[in-house]
Amino acid sequence: MDIIGLTEINDGRIADVQKIVDVLNTLTGKHFAYVGQNQEDTVIPAEYLDTRFGKAQQEQVAIIYDTALFRPVGFRGKNNQIGASYKESIRYYKKTSSN
């Protein structure tokens, strides 16, 4: 494995991913690193927390990668910031049946 995606990291605990990276480096002899989602990008509006979600639903994601094969690049639209989240609208297409 050269790249690993982690989801559902407890909000504010992204630094704990380093423990996983350290173990991977020890076990494999490779040089893994990670990029974590910025905490400010995980904020759920209060009205959703109160009506649809709980505070525990605020979670972060991280990407662990082998530094010999990959390097992070900045994200367009966020001042070339590494770790930024894509928050633009995504157009969804709905398949319709042809009855």
Foldseek 3Di string as FASTA:
>chain_A
DFKDKFWLAFQPCVVVVVVVQVVCCVVPVFRKDKAKADNVQQDDDPVCCVPPHPNRPRIIMMMIGGPVVDDFWADPPPVRDTRYDDDDDDDDDDDDDDD
